[in-house]
Amino acid sequence: MTTLCLLTQWAAADASTDASANTPSSSSSASAPATDSSGAAASATAATTTAPAATTAPAATTAPAATTAPAATTAPASDTSSTGGGSTQKAEAALKQQATDASAEKNLEQVFDASQPTYSLLRKGDATLYYTFDYTYYYNAAIDIALTSNSSAISRFRIEEDAQDTVTNTLSLDYGVKDNLTFNTTLPMVAKYDSTNNLTTMALGDVSFAARWQPVPVERGAMSTTLFGVFSTASGVSPYTINLNSDLSTGKGYYAVTGGASFSDVLDPVVLFGSLSDTIGLPVSGLNQNRAGAILTSFQPGDTMSMSAGLGYSLNYDISVTASYQMSYALQTTYNMVSAGVASRVVTPDMVAASINFSVGFRTTPTQIVNIGFAYGLTQDTPNIDLTVTLPMDVSGMMKSY
C-alpha cells in the first residue's frame, strides 16, 4: 500500500507543480503586455493624429508622390520620439520575455526531466513523518494437565487464560537519501493491560532502523522491485528479564536483522503486491529468569521466514482499498535452563502464524492519504483483533528550511 500511496502522492504533487508553474506564466505574459500596450497605443494615436496635420497642406501644394512619403516617415517619427519616448520604452520592456514565460529552452528542460529515471520511493531530500495508532486484542486458553508418576491418574487439571489489550503509538520517519534510496526509523510507545492478572504497563517498544532501495527505475507495465533491510533493537522491556507473575513486556527481548524484497505491478486501477523476507534473531545470554522453578540463562531465537501477497483497488481518486494475506514460519527456538544445578535444553517446535488484512485509504489532501487497516488472526499466536490507523504528517517545509 505504501508503494501505491507514494506513486499517487508523487503523481499528484507533480501535477500540481506543473499546473502552478504554467498558470503564472500564462497570466504574466498576457497581462503585462496588455497594460503597457495601452500606453503604446496612446502614443501611436497621438502620432497618427499629428501626422495628417503636417502632411495635408503639403499634399495640396506639392506633387503627391514627393510629399506623401516624407510626411509619413519624418513627422510621425519625430513626434513619437519627442512626446512618447517613456511609453515606448515601457512597451519594449513589456514585450521582452519574462522569467516565467515558456521558451524553447524550458521546453527542452522539461523533456529532459521527463526522460530521467523514475522511482516510487521518496525523492532525494524529501521527508515524511507518520503517526500510527495500533490496537490489538489477544486471547488464548490453554489446558494444563499433570499426571501421577505411574500415569494412572490426573494430579492437576486447570485452564490457563491469557487476555491482553495492547495500544501502540508509533512515530515513523522516512527520509530520501537518494531518489532510489530511503531510510526509515520507528519509535514506538507501548501500553499493555492484562485483564486476566489485572496488570498494566507502559514503556518504550523496540526501536528499529530500515532502508529501502530500488535497483532499477519504475517502468510502465513492468513489475517494480524494492529491496529492504531492517535492524530491530531490544530497547523495549524484555519478556526474558521480567517477573512473569507481576510484570508485562513491551518488546521481543533480542536484536534482529531482517532482509527481503517487495514487488508491485500496476494494472490500472488494480495494484498487485507481495513480499518475501527472512529475520535472523541474535542469541541472548546472561539471563537469570525464574520459569516454573527453572532458571533461564540464555536462548537462541530461530529464524523467521515471512511472505505476504495482496492487491489494491482504487475506487476513485480519493478512496482505495487493499486486501492481503500474511504468513510467517518460525523455526525452533532453543532455551538453556538450569534446575537444581542441572543444565537442560528446551527446544520449541516450529510455529506458523497467519492473518488476513484489509485497509482503506482516504485522500485528505493532494499529497496525503489516511489509512485505516484491520487484521484478523488465523492462528493461535496472532492477535484476535488488530486495528491500525496511519496519519501522515507533512514535514517537507521543515526539512527545506535547513
Protein backbone atom coordinates (compact mmCIF):
# COMPACT_ATOMS: atom_id res chain seq x y z
CA MET A 1 0.00 0.00 0.00
CA THR A 2 2.90 2.29 0.68
CA THR A 3 4.11 1.99 -2.86
CA LEU A 4 0.64 2.71 -4.20
CA CYS A 5 0.20 5.72 -1.93
CA LEU A 6 3.61 7.11 -2.81
CA LEU A 7 3.00 6.69 -6.54
CA THR A 8 -0.32 8.52 -6.19
CA GLN A 9 1.12 11.23 -3.98
CA TRP A 10 4.08 11.89 -6.27
CA ALA A 11 1.86 11.93 -9.33
CA ALA A 12 -0.45 14.45 -7.64
CA ALA A 13 2.49 16.52 -6.47
CA ASP A 14 3.99 16.57 -9.98
CA ALA A 15 0.66 17.51 -11.48
CA SER A 16 0.11 20.36 -9.02
CA THR A 17 3.67 21.59 -9.53
CA ASP A 18 3.26 21.63 -13.31
CA ALA A 19 -0.06 23.40 -13.01
CA SER A 20 1.30 26.06 -10.65
CA ALA A 21 4.31 26.60 -12.91
CA ASN A 22 2.23 27.03 -16.04
CA THR A 23 -0.52 29.25 -14.60
CA PRO A 24 1.63 32.26 -13.57
CA SER A 25 3.48 32.02 -16.87
CA SER A 26 0.30 32.44 -18.88
CA SER A 27 -1.10 35.27 -16.78
CA SER A 28 2.10 37.29 -16.56
CA SER A 29 2.87 37.07 -20.27
CA ALA A 30 -0.66 38.05 -21.18
CA SER A 31 -1.36 40.79 -18.63
CA ALA A 32 1.92 42.73 -18.73
CA PRO A 33 1.92 43.47 -22.47
CA ALA A 34 -1.77 44.34 -22.36
CA THR A 35 -1.21 47.04 -19.72
CA ASP A 36 1.81 48.56 -21.42
CA SER A 37 0.41 48.30 -24.93
CA SER A 38 -2.34 50.73 -23.89
CA GLY A 39 0.39 53.34 -23.29
CA ALA A 40 1.96 52.47 -26.63
CA ALA A 41 -1.42 52.74 -28.30
CA ALA A 42 -1.89 56.22 -26.83
CA SER A 43 1.44 57.33 -28.29
CA ALA A 44 0.60 55.79 -31.64
CA THR A 45 -2.76 57.57 -31.62
CA ALA A 46 -1.09 60.89 -30.84
CA ALA A 47 1.41 60.34 -33.61
CA THR A 48 -1.28 59.40 -36.08
CA THR A 49 -3.30 62.49 -35.19
CA THR A 50 -0.27 64.79 -35.57
CA ALA A 51 0.98 63.29 -38.85
CA PRO A 52 -2.06 64.07 -41.00
CA ALA A 53 -1.97 67.69 -39.83
CA ALA A 54 1.60 68.03 -41.10
CA THR A 55 1.06 66.21 -44.38
CA THR A 56 -2.31 67.52 -45.56
CA ALA A 57 -1.11 71.01 -46.54
CA PRO A 58 1.99 69.91 -48.48
CA ALA A 59 -0.07 67.32 -50.26
CA ALA A 60 -2.29 70.07 -51.70
CA THR A 61 0.57 72.33 -52.91
CA THR A 62 3.25 69.83 -53.89
CA ALA A 63 3.29 66.70 -56.00
CA PRO A 64 1.58 63.95 -54.02
CA ALA A 65 4.25 61.40 -54.71
CA ALA A 66 7.02 63.67 -53.40
CA THR A 67 5.32 64.85 -50.26
CA THR A 68 3.42 61.82 -49.06
CA ALA A 69 6.48 59.70 -48.28
CA PRO A 70 8.40 62.38 -46.28
CA ALA A 71 5.24 63.27 -44.33
CA ALA A 72 4.62 59.65 -43.41
CA THR A 73 8.18 58.95 -42.37
CA THR A 74 9.52 62.21 -40.89
CA ALA A 75 6.68 63.84 -38.95
CA PRO A 76 5.39 60.79 -37.07
CA ALA A 77 8.88 59.56 -36.25
CA SER A 78 10.00 62.91 -34.76
CA ASP A 79 6.76 63.42 -32.83
CA THR A 80 6.72 59.92 -31.36
CA SER A 81 10.31 60.08 -30.15
CA SER A 82 9.86 63.51 -28.61
CA THR A 83 6.46 63.15 -26.95
CA GLY A 84 6.12 59.40 -26.17
CA GLY A 85 9.69 58.19 -25.52
CA GLY A 86 8.87 56.92 -21.99
CA SER A 87 5.83 54.95 -23.18
CA THR A 88 7.85 53.41 -25.98
CA GLN A 89 10.47 52.16 -23.53
CA LYS A 90 7.74 50.67 -21.30
CA ALA A 91 6.18 48.92 -24.28
CA GLU A 92 9.52 47.49 -25.34
CA ALA A 93 10.23 46.29 -21.77
CA ALA A 94 6.80 44.70 -21.55
CA LEU A 95 7.28 42.86 -24.81
CA LYS A 96 10.55 41.32 -23.59
CA GLN A 97 10.32 37.68 -22.42
CA GLN A 98 9.60 37.31 -18.72
CA ALA A 99 11.37 34.80 -16.47
CA THR A 100 8.21 32.75 -16.12
CA ASP A 101 7.33 32.72 -19.83
CA ALA A 102 7.57 29.49 -21.81
CA SER A 103 10.62 29.13 -24.01
CA ALA A 104 12.27 26.57 -26.20
CA GLU A 105 14.99 26.07 -23.56
CA LYS A 106 12.43 25.38 -20.83
CA ASN A 107 10.52 23.00 -23.06
CA LEU A 108 13.72 21.09 -23.74
CA GLU A 109 14.46 21.02 -19.99
CA GLN A 110 11.02 19.56 -19.26
CA VAL A 111 11.51 16.89 -21.91
CA PHE A 112 14.92 16.06 -20.41
CA ASP A 113 13.46 15.77 -16.89
CA ALA A 114 10.69 13.51 -18.15
CA SER A 115 13.26 11.16 -19.64
CA GLN A 116 15.11 10.77 -16.31
CA PRO A 117 14.75 7.53 -14.27
CA THR A 118 11.59 7.44 -12.14
CA TYR A 119 11.35 5.72 -8.74
CA SER A 120 8.43 5.15 -6.40
CA LEU A 121 10.39 5.98 -3.23
CA LEU A 122 10.81 9.41 -1.70
CA ARG A 123 12.78 11.87 -3.76
CA LYS A 124 16.20 12.96 -2.56
CA GLY A 125 15.92 15.37 0.35
CA ASP A 126 12.21 14.75 0.98
CA ALA A 127 10.95 13.54 4.36
CA THR A 128 7.66 12.11 5.57
CA LEU A 129 6.56 11.62 9.18
CA TYR A 130 3.80 9.13 10.01
CA TYR A 131 1.87 8.62 13.21
CA THR A 132 0.39 5.15 13.64
CA PHE A 133 -2.15 4.08 16.24
CA ASP A 134 -2.41 0.32 16.66
CA TYR A 135 -4.77 -1.61 18.93
CA THR A 136 -4.57 -5.39 19.33
CA TYR A 137 -6.54 -7.83 21.44
CA TYR A 138 -5.16 -11.28 22.13
CA TYR A 139 -6.94 -14.12 23.92
CA ASN A 140 -5.80 -17.68 24.43
CA ALA A 141 -6.91 -20.53 26.67
CA ALA A 142 -4.63 -23.50 27.39
CA ILE A 143 -5.29 -26.67 29.35
CA ASP A 144 -2.62 -27.60 31.92
CA ILE A 145 -2.69 -31.29 32.87
CA ALA A 146 -0.29 -33.17 35.16
CA LEU A 147 -0.33 -36.93 35.69
CA THR A 148 0.87 -39.04 38.58
CA SER A 149 4.18 -40.89 38.37
CA ASN A 150 2.56 -44.07 37.05
CA SER A 151 0.26 -42.06 34.72
CA SER A 152 -2.77 -43.72 36.27
CA ALA A 153 -4.45 -40.56 37.48
CA ILE A 154 -4.57 -36.82 36.86
CA SER A 155 -2.87 -34.85 39.59
CA ARG A 156 -3.52 -31.39 38.15
CA PHE A 157 -6.08 -30.05 35.72
CA ARG A 158 -6.58 -26.36 35.05
CA ILE A 159 -7.33 -23.96 32.25
CA GLU A 160 -4.89 -21.09 31.86
CA GLU A 161 -6.30 -17.99 30.18
CA ASP A 162 -4.32 -15.16 28.69
CA ALA A 163 -6.09 -11.97 27.59
CA GLN A 164 -4.18 -8.80 26.73
CA ASP A 165 -5.07 -5.42 25.24
CA THR A 166 -2.16 -3.57 23.64
CA VAL A 167 -2.07 0.01 22.36
CA THR A 168 0.99 1.10 20.39
CA ASN A 169 1.65 4.71 19.35
CA THR A 170 4.40 4.88 16.75
CA LEU A 171 6.22 7.73 15.03
CA SER A 172 7.88 6.70 11.77
CA LEU A 173 10.20 8.97 9.80
CA ASP A 174 11.12 8.36 6.14
CA TYR A 175 13.95 10.33 4.53
CA GLY A 176 15.01 10.20 0.89
CA VAL A 177 18.80 9.85 0.78
CA LYS A 178 18.61 9.39 -3.00
CA ASP A 179 15.73 9.07 -5.42
CA ASN A 180 16.04 5.30 -5.15
CA LEU A 181 17.18 5.01 -1.50
CA THR A 182 15.05 5.79 1.55
CA PHE A 183 15.96 5.49 5.22
CA ASN A 184 13.36 4.85 7.91
CA THR A 185 13.27 4.83 11.70
CA THR A 186 10.40 3.99 14.03
CA LEU A 187 9.84 4.97 17.66
CA PRO A 188 7.03 3.00 19.38
CA MET A 189 5.42 3.61 22.77
CA VAL A 190 3.57 0.54 24.07
CA ALA A 191 0.80 0.32 26.67
CA LYS A 192 -0.48 -3.09 27.81
CA TYR A 193 -3.29 -4.33 30.00
CA ASP A 194 -3.59 -7.95 31.14
CA SER A 195 -7.21 -8.45 32.14
CA THR A 196 -6.57 -11.97 33.47
CA ASN A 197 -3.98 -10.94 36.06
CA ASN A 198 -5.01 -7.25 36.29
CA LEU A 199 -1.58 -5.97 35.22
CA THR A 200 -0.72 -2.79 33.32
CA THR A 201 2.45 -1.28 31.89
CA MET A 202 3.56 1.48 29.54
CA ALA A 203 7.09 1.81 28.18
CA LEU A 204 9.19 2.24 25.06
CA GLY A 205 8.97 -0.53 22.49
CA ASP A 206 11.64 -1.86 20.16
CA VAL A 207 13.13 0.96 18.07
CA SER A 208 14.02 -0.07 14.51
CA PHE A 209 16.03 1.30 11.59
CA ALA A 210 15.38 0.35 7.98
CA ALA A 211 16.48 1.09 4.43
CA ARG A 212 14.64 0.59 1.12
CA TRP A 213 16.43 0.54 -2.23
CA GLN A 214 15.13 0.27 -5.78
CA PRO A 215 17.84 -1.12 -8.07
CA VAL A 216 16.03 -0.24 -11.31
CA PRO A 217 13.65 2.61 -12.19
CA VAL A 218 9.91 2.07 -12.37
CA GLU A 219 8.69 1.46 -15.92
CA ARG A 220 5.13 1.49 -17.15
CA GLY A 221 3.78 -2.02 -17.50
CA ALA A 222 6.73 -3.62 -15.67
CA MET A 223 6.98 -5.01 -12.16
CA SER A 224 8.66 -2.79 -9.58
CA THR A 225 11.19 -4.36 -7.18
CA THR A 226 12.32 -2.87 -3.86
CA LEU A 227 14.98 -4.41 -1.63
CA PHE A 228 14.82 -3.65 2.09
CA GLY A 229 16.70 -4.29 5.29
CA VAL A 230 15.65 -3.75 8.91
CA PHE A 231 17.66 -3.68 12.14
CA SER A 232 15.40 -4.08 15.17
CA THR A 233 16.78 -3.22 18.60
CA ALA A 234 15.86 -4.63 22.00
CA SER A 235 15.01 -1.26 23.57
CA GLY A 236 11.65 -2.48 24.89
CA VAL A 237 11.07 -4.30 28.16
CA SER A 238 12.24 -7.87 27.56
CA PRO A 239 9.91 -10.79 28.34
CA TYR A 240 13.01 -12.72 29.46
CA THR A 241 14.06 -10.35 32.25
CA ILE A 242 10.75 -9.50 33.95
CA ASN A 243 8.91 -11.21 36.77
CA LEU A 244 6.34 -13.27 34.89
CA ASN A 245 3.86 -13.05 37.76
CA SER A 246 3.82 -9.28 38.19
CA ASP A 247 5.27 -7.58 35.08
CA LEU A 248 4.48 -7.21 31.39
CA SER A 249 6.88 -6.83 28.47
CA THR A 250 6.85 -4.24 25.68
CA GLY A 251 9.49 -5.79 23.38
CA LYS A 252 10.67 -9.08 21.99
CA GLY A 253 13.85 -9.23 24.11
CA TYR A 254 16.54 -9.65 21.43
CA TYR A 255 18.16 -7.89 18.46
CA ALA A 256 17.13 -8.99 14.99
CA VAL A 257 18.15 -8.35 11.38
CA THR A 258 15.68 -8.66 8.51
CA GLY A 259 16.32 -8.71 4.77
CA GLY A 260 13.89 -9.11 1.93
CA ALA A 261 12.28 -7.81 -1.22
CA SER A 262 8.89 -6.42 -2.13
CA PHE A 263 7.24 -6.43 -5.53
CA SER A 264 4.40 -4.47 -7.11
CA ASP A 265 2.78 -4.24 -10.50
CA VAL A 266 0.29 -1.57 -11.54
CA LEU A 267 -2.61 -2.83 -13.66
CA ASP A 268 -4.75 0.28 -13.54
CA PRO A 269 -6.93 0.53 -11.48
CA VAL A 270 -5.51 -2.52 -9.63
CA VAL A 271 -2.10 -2.84 -7.97
CA LEU A 272 -0.72 -6.30 -7.22
CA PHE A 273 1.93 -6.51 -4.49
CA GLY A 274 3.82 -9.03 -2.41
CA SER A 275 6.96 -9.50 -0.32
CA LEU A 276 9.43 -12.12 0.89
CA SER A 277 11.72 -11.70 3.90
CA ASP A 278 13.86 -13.56 6.42
CA THR A 279 14.53 -12.46 10.01
CA ILE A 280 17.55 -13.63 11.97
CA GLY A 281 17.44 -13.26 15.74
CA LEU A 282 20.68 -12.77 17.64
CA PRO A 283 21.39 -15.01 20.66
CA VAL A 284 20.88 -13.69 24.20
CA SER A 285 22.92 -14.73 27.23
CA GLY A 286 23.43 -13.64 30.84
CA LEU A 287 19.80 -14.17 31.85
CA ASN A 288 18.54 -15.15 35.28
CA GLN A 289 14.79 -15.57 34.98
CA ASN A 290 12.76 -17.97 37.08
CA ARG A 291 10.38 -20.03 34.98
CA ALA A 292 8.37 -22.57 36.95
CA GLY A 293 11.29 -23.38 39.23
CA ALA A 294 13.94 -23.49 36.50
CA ILE A 295 16.33 -20.62 35.70
CA LEU A 296 16.55 -19.38 32.13
CA THR A 297 20.19 -18.48 31.40
CA SER A 298 20.28 -17.99 27.62
CA PHE A 299 18.39 -18.71 24.42
CA GLN A 300 18.80 -18.73 20.64
CA PRO A 301 15.77 -17.49 18.68
CA GLY A 302 15.04 -19.29 15.45
CA ASP A 303 14.90 -17.68 12.04
CA THR A 304 11.53 -16.43 10.81
CA MET A 305 10.57 -16.52 7.13
CA SER A 306 7.68 -14.32 6.07
CA MET A 307 5.63 -13.73 2.96
CA SER A 308 2.69 -11.58 2.00
CA ALA A 309 0.57 -11.05 -1.09
CA GLY A 310 -2.39 -8.87 -1.92
CA LEU A 311 -3.97 -6.34 -4.20
CA GLY A 312 -5.12 -2.76 -4.03
CA TYR A 313 -8.06 -1.30 -5.93
CA SER A 314 -8.72 2.39 -6.50
CA LEU A 315 -12.44 3.17 -6.23
CA ASN A 316 -11.80 6.75 -7.32
CA TYR A 317 -9.13 9.41 -6.95
CA ASP A 318 -9.79 9.80 -3.21
CA ILE A 319 -10.55 6.27 -1.96
CA SER A 320 -8.68 2.99 -2.37
CA VAL A 321 -8.99 -0.42 -0.71
CA THR A 322 -6.48 -3.23 -0.22
CA ALA A 323 -6.65 -6.84 0.88
CA SER A 324 -3.70 -9.08 1.67
CA TYR A 325 -2.65 -12.36 3.24
CA GLN A 326 0.38 -12.57 5.52
CA MET A 327 2.12 -15.66 6.83
CA SER A 328 5.32 -16.38 8.76
CA TYR A 329 7.14 -19.59 9.60
CA ALA A 330 9.37 -19.52 12.69
CA LEU A 331 11.99 -22.18 13.21
CA GLN A 332 12.58 -23.74 16.61
CA THR A 333 13.94 -21.67 19.50
CA THR A 334 16.43 -23.19 21.93
CA TYR A 335 16.29 -22.27 25.64
CA ASN A 336 19.09 -23.15 28.07
CA MET A 337 17.78 -23.80 31.58
CA VAL A 338 19.29 -24.70 34.95
CA SER A 339 17.19 -26.58 37.51
CA ALA A 340 18.63 -27.77 40.85
CA GLY A 341 22.14 -27.30 39.46
CA VAL A 342 21.41 -29.43 36.39
CA ALA A 343 21.58 -27.80 32.98
CA SER A 344 18.97 -28.67 30.43
CA ARG A 345 17.88 -27.57 27.00
CA VAL A 346 14.33 -26.90 25.90
CA VAL A 347 13.58 -26.74 22.18
CA THR A 348 10.27 -25.36 20.96
CA PRO A 349 8.66 -26.71 17.79
CA ASP A 350 8.39 -24.74 14.59
CA MET A 351 5.49 -22.31 14.58
CA VAL A 352 3.25 -20.86 11.87
CA ALA A 353 1.40 -17.54 12.13
CA ALA A 354 -1.04 -16.18 9.57
CA SER A 355 -3.50 -13.33 9.21
CA ILE A 356 -5.65 -11.56 6.65
CA ASN A 357 -5.52 -7.79 6.33
CA PHE A 358 -7.90 -5.19 4.94
CA SER A 359 -7.34 -1.45 4.70
CA VAL A 360 -9.00 1.64 3.26
CA GLY A 361 -7.10 4.74 2.16
CA PHE A 362 -8.72 8.19 2.18
CA ARG A 363 -7.04 11.08 0.38
CA THR A 364 -7.28 14.15 2.61
CA THR A 365 -5.00 16.43 0.55
CA PRO A 366 -3.44 16.07 -2.90
CA THR A 367 -0.31 14.61 -1.28
CA GLN A 368 -1.59 12.91 1.90
CA ILE A 369 -3.56 9.69 2.45
CA VAL A 370 -5.01 8.40 5.74
CA ASN A 371 -5.08 4.60 6.04
CA ILE A 372 -7.36 2.54 8.28
CA GLY A 373 -6.45 -1.14 8.50
CA PHE A 374 -7.99 -4.21 10.09
CA ALA A 375 -6.30 -7.59 10.54
CA TYR A 376 -7.76 -10.87 11.73
CA GLY A 377 -5.53 -13.60 13.10
CA LEU A 378 -5.91 -17.08 11.63
CA THR A 379 -3.62 -18.93 14.05
CA GLN A 380 -3.29 -19.22 17.81
CA ASP A 381 -0.25 -16.96 18.12
CA THR A 382 -1.69 -13.99 16.22
CA PRO A 383 -3.95 -11.28 17.71
CA ASN A 384 -7.69 -11.87 17.50
CA ILE A 385 -8.24 -8.23 16.60
CA ASP A 386 -5.78 -5.75 15.11
CA LEU A 387 -6.91 -2.20 14.25
CA THR A 388 -4.45 0.29 12.73
CA VAL A 389 -4.81 3.97 11.80
CA THR A 390 -1.94 5.73 9.99
CA LEU A 391 -1.85 9.53 9.66
CA PRO A 392 0.78 11.28 7.51
CA MET A 393 2.38 14.45 8.88
CA ASP A 394 3.89 16.99 6.47
CA VAL A 395 7.49 17.85 7.40
CA SER A 396 8.74 18.79 3.92
CA GLY A 397 8.68 22.52 4.72
CA MET A 398 10.63 21.92 7.92
CA MET A 399 13.30 19.91 6.07
CA LYS A 400 13.67 22.50 3.31
CA SER A 401 14.25 25.28 5.86
CA TYR A 402 17.61 23.76 6.87
